[in-house]
Amino acid sequence: MSSSSKKPGGKSTGTAKSARTSAKRDAVSKDASKRTATGRSRTTTATGRPSAKTTGVGRPRIRATHSEGAGPEGRVSDAEVARRRARAKASVRSLGDRPAPKRQLPPPPPKRESVGPRGGRKSGTPQASPSTAAQELALAIAAAGLDKKAVGVEVIDVSGRVDYADYLVIMTGTSDRHVHAIAMGIEESLKKKRTVPLSVEGLGTATWVLMDFSDVVVHVFQEDSRRVYDIEGLWMDASRLSVPVGPSGPTS
């Protein structure tokens, strides 16, 4: 009896196995051929043109603009350099021929007049001539200082020169107590005329007392402080009022 057994149908078992093996081999070869064909088709473009991978030919290089007029070795010839320089000079010359645009300056802002506290117009320059009331007030302050034995009394007309006062009244006391007494005497004398200062500064040390009566500013110094600040020297060119010498000043 042979090694291959026979089936009832008459075919041997070894023949059936060899047929199956050859069928599998054929199926594997067909599958490999299909995969190879699919890989080749992917290398082509959508329009059917072969790609650089399949043909081995690359894309053409882009020609740069600076390579215009270059020789075979990439160097620009002298003629090309001269042509470029002439073209650049012509462009610069054409720009120089154009007139420069004229710039129009904006118009100046209108001048505004300052408004006073009561709605009236206030000029930028101080008042040219002082009022009669300011002059009488300055003489009354000078007389009150003389009543308290003040020395070196001066009344300086600063109208038209500054905007904070019309007159400066300057006087000197011999000590801090004397300066304090002069300031208090001026304030008490003017209270009788229903006039009070807007502010009084320096009474604590009494080396320089400043009293503000709006149109008249009073400076009561000790001798050393008056020499240091030298206010009358700053207004050497200003006019002075004659101070009446007597126990009482002019009556209003």
Foldseek 3Di string as FASTA:
>chain_A
DDPWDADPVGDTPVVVVVVVVVVVVVVVVVVVVVVVVVVCVVQADPVRHGDCVVVVDDDDDDDDPVQVCADPVSHHDPVVVVVVVVVVVVVVVVVVPDDDDDDDDDDDDDDDFDADPVRHTDDPWFDQDDDPVQVQLLLQLLLLLVLLVWPPWWWFACGRPDRFAGIEIETEAADLVSLLVSVVSSQVSCVVVVFHFPDWDDNVRSQWIWTHRRHYIYIYHYPVVCVVVVPCVVPVVTDIDDHDDDNGTDDD
